[in-house]
Structure formats: structure tokens, C-alpha cells
């Protein structure tokens, strides 16, 4: 798959090298194949005021992992976009939500996964936590269902039935649990506390 540059107004993903340096862009509609190149993304976990966690079921029209339950939302960066700005944009687009308190949890997370159809996700995908300000109005092209649940119960459900959730969510929760308490970022302390991690 060759690297191409597209105008920043087009819908694209940002390709990167193994160090995470931006190398070019590729049309988002075409990037996910059986040989998806490494690109930049993020995952975000949304908490309410009672530390309930939002989980979402991916819309059936999604190219990868359609109909699978996952973390609150994910997304791809644009060429000139900071991760935090991408999170705000995607929260509005996918959930009709305004988010506050955006903070990094796992700054170095990356993964490669293959879904049942053979399509690959291959991302440098730092993990964030944020709070929701106001109600949700999910975009049906992105989210088919959503549930607020106590975060520690979500973690237990992922551990008990990992096949019901996206692989990256399971790996992210394992990675959060593996970070020593005294090495967690402020965001990781918030999410770890909600998840019931010591």
C-alpha cells in the first residue's frame, strides 16, 4: 500500500513509522484491508459523575468489528490534528457528546488485530479518559447501542467473556492493570480507580 498525501479537508488517516512519526495520509475508506499499514488513532473511555463507564456497540455498517461491544469510542487523527482535538471532534460526531477533563491513560499503547473477515487494524493508539458533559445522541452510523455501567463490572465482564468485546479493549484493560500504581498518569489513576484496580 503506497503512501499518498491528501488535502486535510478529506477523510483520511495519518500513516506513521514505527516510532510514531507521521509519514503521510491515506483515504480512510480504503485503508483497512488484510494488510493495513500502521497509522495513528486513539481510544477513549468516558466516565460519568458516578464513575460509570460508557460502553458502545459498534454499528453493523462498520468496516471492522461490526456489532462488537467496545470502549466508549475510538477514532483516527487528521494530518494536522492533536490527539486531544481529535477526541473532542469524534465525541461530537460519534456520540453527540461534549467531553471534559481529557487525560492520557496509556500514552504508548499500540496493537495489531485481525477480525473474522480478515480485515486488520494496525494502530499506534494512545488511550485516554474523559468525562461527559450533558446527554448523548449517538450517531447510528457509528454506534448501534450504548450502556452506562459501573466500570468495575465492565472490567469483570470483559475478563469473563472477552469474545464479546473488541480485542483492543481487553488488551487496554490488561495494560492499565499492569501499570504499577506509582507509575500511573493522572488519567490512569482516575480510570484505574473507577475500574477497581488497586
N, C-alpha and C. Protein backbone atom coordinates (compact mmCIF):
# COMPACT_ATOMS: atom_id res chain seq x y z
N UNK A 1 0.86 -1.19 0.00
CA UNK A 1 0.00 0.00 0.00
C UNK A 1 0.89 1.23 0.00
N UNK A 2 0.76 2.06 -1.01
CA UNK A 2 1.64 3.21 -1.13
C UNK A 2 1.12 4.38 -0.31
N UNK A 3 2.04 5.22 0.11
CA UNK A 3 1.70 6.41 0.88
C UNK A 3 1.29 7.52 -0.07
N UNK A 4 0.19 8.16 0.23
CA UNK A 4 -0.24 9.31 -0.55
C UNK A 4 -0.59 10.44 0.40
N UNK A 5 -0.52 11.65 -0.11
CA UNK A 5 -0.95 12.80 0.66
C UNK A 5 -2.28 13.29 0.11
N UNK A 6 -3.19 13.61 1.01
CA UNK A 6 -4.49 14.13 0.60
C UNK A 6 -4.72 15.45 1.30
N UNK A 7 -5.59 16.30 0.80
CA UNK A 7 -5.89 17.54 1.49
C UNK A 7 -6.45 17.25 2.88
N UNK A 8 -6.16 18.13 3.83
CA UNK A 8 -6.61 17.90 5.19
C UNK A 8 -8.13 17.99 5.32
N UNK A 9 -8.81 18.47 4.29
CA UNK A 9 -10.26 18.51 4.34
C UNK A 9 -10.88 17.16 4.00
N UNK A 10 -10.10 16.26 3.40
CA UNK A 10 -10.61 14.94 3.04
C UNK A 10 -10.61 14.03 4.25
N UNK A 11 -11.41 12.96 4.19
CA UNK A 11 -11.48 11.99 5.27
C UNK A 11 -10.33 11.01 5.10
N UNK A 12 -9.37 11.07 6.02
CA UNK A 12 -8.16 10.29 5.86
C UNK A 12 -7.66 9.81 7.21
N UNK A 13 -6.69 8.88 7.18
CA UNK A 13 -5.94 8.52 8.36
C UNK A 13 -4.50 8.94 8.15
N UNK A 14 -3.78 9.09 9.25
CA UNK A 14 -2.39 9.51 9.21
C UNK A 14 -1.50 8.29 9.36
N UNK A 15 -0.72 8.00 8.32
CA UNK A 15 0.22 6.90 8.37
C UNK A 15 1.45 7.33 9.16
N UNK A 16 2.12 6.34 9.76
CA UNK A 16 3.28 6.66 10.59
C UNK A 16 4.31 5.55 10.51
N UNK A 17 5.53 5.87 10.96
CA UNK A 17 6.56 4.85 11.06
C UNK A 17 6.48 4.20 12.44
N UNK A 18 7.39 3.28 12.71
CA UNK A 18 7.32 2.53 13.95
C UNK A 18 7.53 3.41 15.18
N UNK A 19 8.18 4.55 15.00
CA UNK A 19 8.40 5.49 16.10
C UNK A 19 7.22 6.44 16.30
N UNK A 20 6.20 6.33 15.45
CA UNK A 20 5.03 7.19 15.56
C UNK A 20 5.15 8.50 14.81
N UNK A 21 6.21 8.66 14.02
CA UNK A 21 6.37 9.88 13.23
C UNK A 21 5.45 9.83 12.00
N UNK A 22 4.76 10.92 11.74
CA UNK A 22 3.82 10.98 10.62
C UNK A 22 4.55 10.93 9.29
N UNK A 23 4.11 10.04 8.42
CA UNK A 23 4.78 9.85 7.13
C UNK A 23 3.90 10.17 5.94
N UNK A 24 2.61 10.31 6.14
CA UNK A 24 1.71 10.58 5.02
C UNK A 24 0.27 10.31 5.43
N UNK A 25 -0.61 10.35 4.47
CA UNK A 25 -2.02 10.09 4.73
C UNK A 25 -2.56 9.10 3.71
N UNK A 26 -3.72 8.53 4.05
CA UNK A 26 -4.35 7.57 3.16
C UNK A 26 -5.86 7.69 3.35
N UNK A 27 -6.66 7.59 2.28
CA UNK A 27 -8.11 7.71 2.43
C UNK A 27 -8.66 6.69 3.45
N UNK A 28 -9.43 7.16 4.39
CA UNK A 28 -9.92 6.29 5.47
C UNK A 28 -10.77 5.16 4.92
N UNK A 29 -11.55 5.41 3.88
CA UNK A 29 -12.43 4.39 3.33
C UNK A 29 -11.67 3.21 2.74
N UNK A 30 -10.40 3.41 2.41
CA UNK A 30 -9.63 2.38 1.73
C UNK A 30 -8.51 1.77 2.57
N UNK A 31 -8.24 2.31 3.75
CA UNK A 31 -7.02 1.93 4.46
C UNK A 31 -7.12 0.57 5.14
N UNK A 32 -8.32 0.15 5.56
CA UNK A 32 -8.45 -1.10 6.30
C UNK A 32 -8.65 -2.27 5.34
N UNK A 33 -7.60 -3.09 5.23
CA UNK A 33 -7.60 -4.26 4.36
C UNK A 33 -6.96 -5.41 5.13
N UNK A 34 -6.56 -6.44 4.42
CA UNK A 34 -5.82 -7.54 5.06
C UNK A 34 -4.36 -7.17 5.29
N UNK A 35 -3.96 -5.99 4.83
CA UNK A 35 -2.58 -5.52 5.00
C UNK A 35 -2.57 -4.05 5.40
N UNK A 36 -3.33 -3.70 6.40
CA UNK A 36 -3.47 -2.31 6.83
C UNK A 36 -2.15 -1.75 7.34
N UNK A 37 -1.74 -0.59 6.83
CA UNK A 37 -0.48 -0.01 7.30
C UNK A 37 -0.64 0.60 8.70
N UNK A 38 0.46 0.75 9.40
CA UNK A 38 0.46 1.36 10.71
C UNK A 38 -0.01 2.81 10.60
N UNK A 39 -0.95 3.20 11.47
CA UNK A 39 -1.47 4.56 11.43
C UNK A 39 -1.83 5.03 12.83
N UNK A 40 -2.13 6.32 12.94
CA UNK A 40 -2.38 6.95 14.23
C UNK A 40 -3.86 6.92 14.57
N UNK A 41 -4.15 6.64 15.84
CA UNK A 41 -5.53 6.57 16.33
C UNK A 41 -5.53 6.89 17.81
N UNK A 42 -6.68 6.72 18.44
CA UNK A 42 -6.80 6.82 19.89
C UNK A 42 -7.99 5.97 20.34
N UNK A 43 -8.01 5.63 21.62
CA UNK A 43 -9.19 5.06 22.27
C UNK A 43 -9.53 5.94 23.46
N UNK A 44 -10.82 6.12 23.72
CA UNK A 44 -11.24 6.95 24.85
C UNK A 44 -12.29 6.22 25.68
N UNK A 45 -12.15 6.33 26.99
CA UNK A 45 -13.11 5.78 27.96
C UNK A 45 -13.80 6.95 28.64
N UNK A 46 -15.12 6.97 28.56
CA UNK A 46 -15.90 8.07 29.15
C UNK A 46 -16.53 7.63 30.46
N UNK A 47 -16.37 8.47 31.47
CA UNK A 47 -16.97 8.24 32.78
C UNK A 47 -17.99 9.33 33.07
N UNK A 48 -19.04 8.95 33.81
CA UNK A 48 -19.97 9.97 34.30
C UNK A 48 -19.55 10.37 35.72
N UNK A 49 -20.37 11.18 36.37
CA UNK A 49 -20.01 11.68 37.69
C UNK A 49 -19.95 10.62 38.77
N UNK A 50 -20.58 9.47 38.53
CA UNK A 50 -20.57 8.36 39.49
C UNK A 50 -19.56 7.29 39.10
N UNK A 51 -18.69 7.60 38.17
CA UNK A 51 -17.67 6.67 37.67
C UNK A 51 -18.25 5.46 36.95
N UNK A 52 -19.46 5.61 36.41
CA UNK A 52 -19.96 4.61 35.47
C UNK A 52 -19.23 4.81 34.15
N UNK A 53 -19.00 3.69 33.46
CA UNK A 53 -18.26 3.70 32.20
C UNK A 53 -19.22 3.50 31.04
N UNK A 54 -19.05 4.28 30.00
CA UNK A 54 -19.84 4.12 28.78
C UNK A 54 -19.19 3.07 27.89
N UNK A 55 -19.95 2.03 27.56
CA UNK A 55 -19.51 1.09 26.53
C UNK A 55 -20.48 1.20 25.36
N UNK A 56 -19.96 0.97 24.17
CA UNK A 56 -20.77 1.12 22.96
C UNK A 56 -20.67 -0.13 22.11
N UNK A 57 -21.73 -0.39 21.35
CA UNK A 57 -21.73 -1.48 20.39
C UNK A 57 -21.55 -0.88 19.01
N UNK A 58 -20.51 -1.31 18.33
CA UNK A 58 -20.18 -0.75 17.03
C UNK A 58 -21.30 -1.02 16.02
N UNK A 59 -21.60 -0.03 15.21
CA UNK A 59 -22.67 -0.16 14.23
C UNK A 59 -22.37 -1.31 13.26
N UNK A 60 -23.41 -1.92 12.74
CA UNK A 60 -23.25 -3.06 11.85
C UNK A 60 -22.66 -2.67 10.49
N UNK A 61 -22.65 -1.38 10.19
CA UNK A 61 -22.06 -0.91 8.93
C UNK A 61 -20.57 -0.62 9.05
N UNK A 62 -20.01 -0.79 10.24
CA UNK A 62 -18.59 -0.52 10.43
C UNK A 62 -17.75 -1.52 9.63
N UNK A 63 -16.63 -1.04 9.09
CA UNK A 63 -15.75 -1.88 8.27
C UNK A 63 -15.09 -2.98 9.11
N UNK A 64 -14.70 -2.66 10.34
CA UNK A 64 -14.04 -3.63 11.21
C UNK A 64 -14.85 -3.84 12.48
N UNK A 65 -14.90 -5.08 12.92
CA UNK A 65 -15.60 -5.48 14.14
C UNK A 65 -17.03 -4.90 14.24
N UNK A 66 -17.83 -5.07 13.19
CA UNK A 66 -19.22 -4.59 13.28
C UNK A 66 -19.98 -5.34 14.36
N UNK A 67 -20.80 -4.61 15.11
CA UNK A 67 -21.66 -5.22 16.11
C UNK A 67 -20.97 -5.65 17.39
N UNK A 68 -19.69 -5.34 17.54
CA UNK A 68 -18.94 -5.75 18.72
C UNK A 68 -18.99 -4.65 19.78
N UNK A 69 -19.11 -5.06 21.04
CA UNK A 69 -19.07 -4.11 22.15
C UNK A 69 -17.63 -3.67 22.37
N UNK A 70 -17.45 -2.40 22.74
CA UNK A 70 -16.10 -1.87 22.90
C UNK A 70 -16.11 -0.71 23.88
N UNK A 71 -14.94 -0.08 24.02
CA UNK A 71 -14.84 1.11 24.88
C UNK A 71 -15.71 2.24 24.31
N UNK A 72 -15.75 3.35 25.00
CA UNK A 72 -16.70 4.40 24.67
C UNK A 72 -16.64 4.84 23.22
N UNK A 73 -15.45 5.15 22.73
CA UNK A 73 -15.28 5.46 21.31
C UNK A 73 -13.81 5.49 20.96
N UNK A 74 -13.54 5.35 19.68
CA UNK A 74 -12.19 5.40 19.12
C UNK A 74 -12.20 6.33 17.92
N UNK A 75 -11.04 6.61 17.40
CA UNK A 75 -11.01 7.43 16.20
C UNK A 75 -9.63 7.57 15.62
N UNK A 76 -9.57 8.16 14.44
CA UNK A 76 -8.32 8.41 13.73
C UNK A 76 -8.04 9.91 13.69
N UNK A 77 -6.78 10.25 13.79
CA UNK A 77 -6.36 11.64 13.72
C UNK A 77 -6.32 12.11 12.27
N UNK A 78 -6.45 13.42 12.10
CA UNK A 78 -6.18 14.05 10.81
C UNK A 78 -4.75 14.58 10.80
N UNK A 79 -4.28 14.96 9.62
CA UNK A 79 -2.87 15.26 9.41
C UNK A 79 -2.34 16.33 10.37
N UNK A 80 -3.09 17.38 10.61
CA UNK A 80 -2.61 18.49 11.44
C UNK A 80 -3.21 18.47 12.84
N UNK A 81 -3.83 17.38 13.24
CA UNK A 81 -4.64 17.36 14.45
C UNK A 81 -3.90 16.75 15.64
N UNK A 82 -4.01 17.38 16.79
CA UNK A 82 -3.54 16.80 18.04
C UNK A 82 -4.53 15.75 18.52
N UNK A 83 -4.05 14.81 19.32
CA UNK A 83 -4.93 13.73 19.78
C UNK A 83 -6.13 14.30 20.55
N UNK A 84 -5.89 15.24 21.44
CA UNK A 84 -6.97 15.79 22.26
C UNK A 84 -8.05 16.44 21.39
N UNK A 85 -7.63 17.13 20.33
CA UNK A 85 -8.60 17.76 19.43
C UNK A 85 -9.39 16.70 18.66
N UNK A 86 -8.73 15.61 18.30
CA UNK A 86 -9.42 14.52 17.62
C UNK A 86 -10.46 13.89 18.54
N UNK A 87 -10.13 13.73 19.81
CA UNK A 87 -11.08 13.16 20.77
C UNK A 87 -12.33 14.03 20.87
N UNK A 88 -12.16 15.33 20.98
CA UNK A 88 -13.30 16.24 21.06
C UNK A 88 -14.15 16.15 19.79
N UNK A 89 -13.49 16.11 18.64
CA UNK A 89 -14.22 16.02 17.36
C UNK A 89 -15.00 14.72 17.26
N UNK A 90 -14.35 13.59 17.58
CA UNK A 90 -15.02 12.30 17.46
C UNK A 90 -16.14 12.13 18.49
N UNK A 91 -15.97 12.67 19.68
CA UNK A 91 -17.03 12.59 20.69
C UNK A 91 -18.31 13.25 20.17
N UNK A 92 -18.15 14.38 19.52
CA UNK A 92 -19.30 15.08 18.95
C UNK A 92 -19.88 14.29 17.78
N UNK A 93 -19.03 13.80 16.88
CA UNK A 93 -19.50 13.11 15.69
C UNK A 93 -20.15 11.76 16.02
N UNK A 94 -19.52 10.97 16.87
CA UNK A 94 -20.00 9.61 17.13
C UNK A 94 -21.09 9.55 18.19
N UNK A 95 -20.99 10.42 19.20
CA UNK A 95 -21.89 10.32 20.35
C UNK A 95 -22.75 11.56 20.57
N UNK A 96 -22.51 12.61 19.80
CA UNK A 96 -23.22 13.86 20.05
C UNK A 96 -22.91 14.40 21.42
N UNK A 97 -21.69 14.15 21.90
CA UNK A 97 -21.33 14.46 23.28
C UNK A 97 -20.26 15.54 23.35
N UNK A 98 -20.32 16.31 24.43
CA UNK A 98 -19.25 17.22 24.79
C UNK A 98 -18.45 16.58 25.91
N UNK A 99 -17.13 16.51 25.75
CA UNK A 99 -16.30 15.88 26.76
C UNK A 99 -15.43 16.91 27.46
N UNK A 100 -15.10 16.62 28.72
CA UNK A 100 -14.23 17.48 29.51
C UNK A 100 -13.19 16.60 30.21
N UNK A 101 -12.17 17.24 30.74
CA UNK A 101 -11.17 16.52 31.53
C UNK A 101 -10.44 15.44 30.76
N UNK A 102 -10.17 15.67 29.49
CA UNK A 102 -9.47 14.67 28.67
C UNK A 102 -8.05 14.48 29.20
N UNK A 103 -7.68 13.23 29.51
CA UNK A 103 -6.35 12.97 30.06
C UNK A 103 -5.84 11.61 29.57
N UNK A 104 -4.55 11.52 29.35
CA UNK A 104 -3.96 10.30 28.81
C UNK A 104 -3.85 9.23 29.90
N UNK A 105 -4.09 7.98 29.50
CA UNK A 105 -4.02 6.83 30.39
C UNK A 105 -2.84 5.93 30.01
N UNK A 106 -2.77 5.55 28.74
CA UNK A 106 -1.69 4.71 28.21
C UNK A 106 -1.10 5.42 27.00
N UNK A 107 -0.08 6.24 27.19
CA UNK A 107 0.43 7.04 26.06
C UNK A 107 1.13 6.23 24.98
N UNK A 108 1.58 5.02 25.29
CA UNK A 108 2.37 4.24 24.34
C UNK A 108 1.63 3.05 23.76
N UNK A 109 0.33 2.92 24.01
CA UNK A 109 -0.39 1.72 23.58
C UNK A 109 -0.43 1.63 22.05
N UNK A 110 -0.22 0.41 21.55
CA UNK A 110 -0.36 0.11 20.13
C UNK A 110 -0.81 -1.34 19.99
N UNK A 111 -1.39 -1.66 18.86
CA UNK A 111 -1.85 -3.04 18.68
C UNK A 111 -2.05 -3.34 17.20
N UNK A 112 -2.10 -4.63 16.92
CA UNK A 112 -2.48 -5.13 15.60
C UNK A 112 -3.46 -6.26 15.85
N UNK A 113 -4.61 -6.24 15.18
CA UNK A 113 -5.64 -7.26 15.38
C UNK A 113 -6.31 -7.55 14.04
N UNK A 114 -6.77 -8.79 13.90
CA UNK A 114 -7.42 -9.24 12.67
C UNK A 114 -8.83 -9.69 13.02
N UNK A 115 -9.83 -9.14 12.33
CA UNK A 115 -11.20 -9.54 12.64
C UNK A 115 -11.60 -10.78 11.85
N UNK A 116 -12.83 -11.24 12.04
CA UNK A 116 -13.27 -12.52 11.47
C UNK A 116 -13.24 -12.52 9.95
N UNK A 117 -13.34 -11.34 9.34
CA UNK A 117 -13.32 -11.25 7.88
C UNK A 117 -11.90 -11.17 7.32
N UNK A 118 -10.90 -11.08 8.19
CA UNK A 118 -9.53 -10.93 7.76
C UNK A 118 -9.04 -9.51 7.68
N UNK A 119 -9.90 -8.54 7.94
CA UNK A 119 -9.51 -7.14 7.90
C UNK A 119 -8.68 -6.82 9.15
N UNK A 120 -7.63 -6.05 8.96
CA UNK A 120 -6.66 -5.76 10.01
C UNK A 120 -6.82 -4.34 10.53
N UNK A 121 -6.71 -4.20 11.86
CA UNK A 121 -6.46 -2.90 12.49
C UNK A 121 -5.00 -2.90 12.92
N UNK A 122 -4.29 -1.81 12.65
CA UNK A 122 -2.86 -1.73 12.96
C UNK A 122 -2.58 -0.28 13.36
N UNK A 123 -2.56 -0.04 14.67
CA UNK A 123 -2.60 1.34 15.14
C UNK A 123 -1.62 1.61 16.27
N UNK A 124 -1.03 2.79 16.25
CA UNK A 124 -0.49 3.42 17.45
C UNK A 124 -1.65 4.18 18.04
N UNK A 125 -2.09 3.76 19.22
CA UNK A 125 -3.42 4.11 19.71
C UNK A 125 -3.38 4.46 21.20
N UNK A 126 -2.86 5.63 21.56
CA UNK A 126 -2.86 6.01 22.98
C UNK A 126 -4.28 6.00 23.54
N UNK A 127 -4.37 5.68 24.82
CA UNK A 127 -5.66 5.54 25.49
C UNK A 127 -5.89 6.74 26.40
N UNK A 128 -7.12 7.25 26.36
CA UNK A 128 -7.49 8.43 27.14
C UNK A 128 -8.73 8.16 27.97
N UNK A 129 -8.93 9.00 28.98
CA UNK A 129 -10.16 9.01 29.76
C UNK A 129 -10.70 10.43 29.73
N UNK A 130 -12.03 10.56 29.80
CA UNK A 130 -12.66 11.88 29.82
C UNK A 130 -14.00 11.77 30.53
N UNK A 131 -14.57 12.90 30.81
CA UNK A 131 -15.91 12.98 31.41
C UNK A 131 -16.89 13.52 30.38
N UNK A 132 -18.14 13.14 30.52
CA UNK A 132 -19.19 13.61 29.63
C UNK A 132 -19.92 14.78 30.26
N UNK A 133 -20.15 15.80 29.47
CA UNK A 133 -20.91 16.96 29.92
C UNK A 133 -22.22 17.00 29.13
N UNK A 134 -23.32 16.55 29.75
CA UNK A 134 -24.62 16.55 29.08
C UNK A 134 -24.99 15.18 28.55
N UNK A 135 -26.06 15.16 27.76
CA UNK A 135 -26.61 13.91 27.26
C UNK A 135 -25.91 13.45 25.99
N UNK A 136 -26.17 12.19 25.63
CA UNK A 136 -25.63 11.61 24.40
C UNK A 136 -26.71 11.53 23.32
N UNK A 137 -26.30 11.71 22.08
CA UNK A 137 -27.16 11.46 20.93
C UNK A 137 -26.31 10.70 19.90
N UNK A 138 -26.16 9.37 20.09
CA UNK A 138 -25.24 8.61 19.25
C UNK A 138 -25.61 8.64 17.77
N UNK A 139 -24.58 8.63 16.95
CA UNK A 139 -24.71 8.57 15.51
C UNK A 139 -24.95 7.10 15.12
N UNK A 140 -26.08 6.76 14.51
CA UNK A 140 -26.36 5.35 14.20
C UNK A 140 -25.41 4.73 13.19
N UNK A 141 -24.68 5.54 12.44
CA UNK A 141 -23.67 5.00 11.53
C UNK A 141 -22.41 4.56 12.28
N UNK A 142 -22.30 4.96 13.54
CA UNK A 142 -21.13 4.63 14.36
C UNK A 142 -21.47 3.70 15.52
N UNK A 143 -22.61 3.93 16.15
CA UNK A 143 -22.98 3.25 17.40
C UNK A 143 -24.39 2.69 17.28
N UNK A 144 -24.54 1.38 17.50
CA UNK A 144 -25.87 0.79 17.44
C UNK A 144 -26.54 0.73 18.81
N UNK A 145 -25.76 0.60 19.88
CA UNK A 145 -26.28 0.58 21.24
C UNK A 145 -25.24 1.17 22.17
N UNK A 146 -25.69 1.65 23.33
CA UNK A 146 -24.74 2.11 24.34
C UNK A 146 -25.31 1.85 25.72
N UNK A 147 -24.42 1.64 26.67
CA UNK A 147 -24.80 1.32 28.05
C UNK A 147 -23.83 2.02 28.99
N UNK A 148 -24.38 2.60 30.06
CA UNK A 148 -23.57 3.07 31.18
C UNK A 148 -23.60 1.99 32.25
N UNK A 149 -22.45 1.60 32.76
CA UNK A 149 -22.38 0.56 33.78
C UNK A 149 -21.22 0.85 34.72
N UNK A 150 -21.30 0.36 35.97
CA UNK A 150 -20.15 0.53 36.86
C UNK A 150 -18.88 0.00 36.20
N UNK A 151 -17.82 0.79 36.21
CA UNK A 151 -16.62 0.43 35.46
C UNK A 151 -16.03 -0.90 35.91
N UNK A 152 -16.08 -1.18 37.21
CA UNK A 152 -15.51 -2.45 37.68
C UNK A 152 -16.32 -3.64 37.18
N UNK A 153 -17.63 -3.45 36.95
CA UNK A 153 -18.45 -4.53 36.40
C UNK A 153 -18.13 -4.75 34.92
N UNK A 154 -17.85 -3.67 34.20
CA UNK A 154 -17.44 -3.80 32.80
C UNK A 154 -16.14 -4.58 32.71
N UNK A 155 -15.19 -4.23 33.55
CA UNK A 155 -13.91 -4.95 33.54
C UNK A 155 -14.12 -6.44 33.81
N UNK A 156 -14.98 -6.77 34.77
CA UNK A 156 -15.26 -8.18 35.07
C UNK A 156 -15.90 -8.87 33.88
N UNK A 157 -16.79 -8.16 33.18
CA UNK A 157 -17.45 -8.75 32.01
C UNK A 157 -16.46 -9.02 30.89
N UNK A 158 -15.53 -8.11 30.67
CA UNK A 158 -14.52 -8.30 29.64
C UNK A 158 -13.63 -9.50 29.98
N UNK A 159 -13.29 -9.63 31.25
CA UNK A 159 -12.46 -10.77 31.67
C UNK A 159 -13.21 -12.09 31.50
N UNK A 160 -14.52 -12.08 31.78
CA UNK A 160 -15.31 -13.32 31.74
C UNK A 160 -15.69 -13.71 30.32
N UNK A 161 -15.94 -12.73 29.46
CA UNK A 161 -16.40 -13.00 28.09
C UNK A 161 -15.63 -12.15 27.09
N UNK A 162 -14.34 -12.36 26.96
CA UNK A 162 -13.55 -11.48 26.10
C UNK A 162 -13.99 -11.49 24.64
N UNK A 163 -14.59 -12.59 24.19
CA UNK A 163 -15.03 -12.68 22.79
C UNK A 163 -16.18 -11.72 22.48
N UNK A 164 -16.85 -11.21 23.50
CA UNK A 164 -17.98 -10.31 23.29
C UNK A 164 -17.54 -8.86 23.11
N UNK A 165 -16.26 -8.60 23.30
CA UNK A 165 -15.74 -7.24 23.26
C UNK A 165 -14.61 -7.14 22.23
N UNK A 166 -14.31 -5.91 21.84
CA UNK A 166 -13.21 -5.71 20.89
C UNK A 166 -11.91 -6.18 21.53
N UNK A 167 -11.00 -6.74 20.71
CA UNK A 167 -9.74 -7.21 21.29
C UNK A 167 -8.93 -6.09 21.92
N UNK A 168 -8.96 -4.90 21.30
CA UNK A 168 -8.16 -3.81 21.85
C UNK A 168 -8.67 -3.38 23.23
N UNK A 169 -9.97 -3.49 23.48
CA UNK A 169 -10.46 -3.13 24.81
C UNK A 169 -9.90 -4.07 25.86
N UNK A 170 -9.92 -5.36 25.57
CA UNK A 170 -9.35 -6.31 26.51
C UNK A 170 -7.88 -6.06 26.77
N UNK A 171 -7.13 -5.81 25.71
CA UNK A 171 -5.69 -5.54 25.86
C UNK A 171 -5.44 -4.25 26.62
N UNK A 172 -6.27 -3.24 26.38
CA UNK A 172 -6.10 -1.97 27.08
C UNK A 172 -6.37 -2.12 28.57
N UNK A 173 -7.42 -2.84 28.94
CA UNK A 173 -7.72 -3.03 30.35
C UNK A 173 -6.61 -3.84 31.03
N UNK A 174 -6.06 -4.84 30.34
CA UNK A 174 -4.93 -5.58 30.89
C UNK A 174 -3.72 -4.67 31.08
N UNK A 175 -3.47 -3.80 30.11
CA UNK A 175 -2.31 -2.90 30.19
C UNK A 175 -2.46 -1.90 31.33
N UNK A 176 -3.67 -1.39 31.53
CA UNK A 176 -3.90 -0.46 32.64
C UNK A 176 -3.63 -1.16 33.97
N UNK A 177 -4.13 -2.38 34.10
CA UNK A 177 -3.93 -3.13 35.34
C UNK A 177 -2.46 -3.43 35.59
N UNK A 178 -1.67 -3.54 34.53
CA UNK A 178 -0.26 -3.92 34.66
C UNK A 178 0.64 -2.75 35.06
N UNK A 179 0.17 -1.52 34.93
CA UNK A 179 1.00 -0.37 35.28
C UNK A 179 1.04 -0.23 36.80
N UNK A 180 2.21 -0.22 37.41
CA UNK A 180 2.29 -0.03 38.86
C UNK A 180 1.61 1.26 39.28
N UNK A 181 0.96 1.23 40.42
CA UNK A 181 0.16 2.37 40.87
C UNK A 181 0.97 3.65 40.92
N UNK A 182 2.26 3.56 41.33
CA UNK A 182 3.07 4.77 41.45
C UNK A 182 3.62 5.27 40.12
N UNK A 183 3.35 4.53 39.03
CA UNK A 183 3.79 4.96 37.71
C UNK A 183 2.64 5.39 36.81
N UNK A 184 1.43 5.37 37.33
CA UNK A 184 0.28 5.75 36.51
C UNK A 184 0.21 7.25 36.28
N UNK A 185 -0.23 7.62 35.09
CA UNK A 185 -0.51 9.03 34.81
C UNK A 185 -1.71 9.46 35.64
N UNK A 186 -1.97 10.76 35.79
CA UNK A 186 -3.18 11.18 36.49
C UNK A 186 -4.45 10.58 35.87
N UNK A 187 -4.49 10.52 34.54
CA UNK A 187 -5.64 9.91 33.89
C UNK A 187 -5.76 8.44 34.20
N UNK A 188 -4.63 7.74 34.24
CA UNK A 188 -4.64 6.31 34.56
C UNK A 188 -5.12 6.09 35.99
N UNK A 189 -4.77 7.00 36.90
CA UNK A 189 -5.25 6.85 38.28
C UNK A 189 -6.77 6.99 38.34
N UNK A 190 -7.31 7.92 37.56
CA UNK A 190 -8.75 8.11 37.52
C UNK A 190 -9.45 6.86 37.00
N UNK A 191 -8.99 6.35 35.84
CA UNK A 191 -9.64 5.20 35.24
C UNK A 191 -9.40 3.94 36.07
N UNK A 192 -8.18 3.77 36.58
CA UNK A 192 -7.90 2.60 37.41
C UNK A 192 -8.77 2.59 38.65
N UNK A 193 -8.98 3.75 39.25
CA UNK A 193 -9.84 3.81 40.43
C UNK A 193 -11.27 3.41 40.09
N UNK A 194 -11.78 3.88 38.96
CA UNK A 194 -13.14 3.51 38.55
C UNK A 194 -13.24 2.02 38.26
N UNK A 195 -12.17 1.45 37.73
CA UNK A 195 -12.16 0.03 37.38
C UNK A 195 -11.96 -0.87 38.59
N UNK A 196 -11.69 -0.28 39.74
CA UNK A 196 -11.49 -1.06 40.95
C UNK A 196 -10.12 -1.66 41.06
N UNK A 197 -9.13 -1.06 40.38
CA UNK A 197 -7.76 -1.54 40.45
C UNK A 197 -7.04 -0.89 41.63
N UNK A 198 -6.25 -1.66 42.33
CA UNK A 198 -5.53 -1.13 43.49
C UNK A 198 -4.45 -0.16 43.04
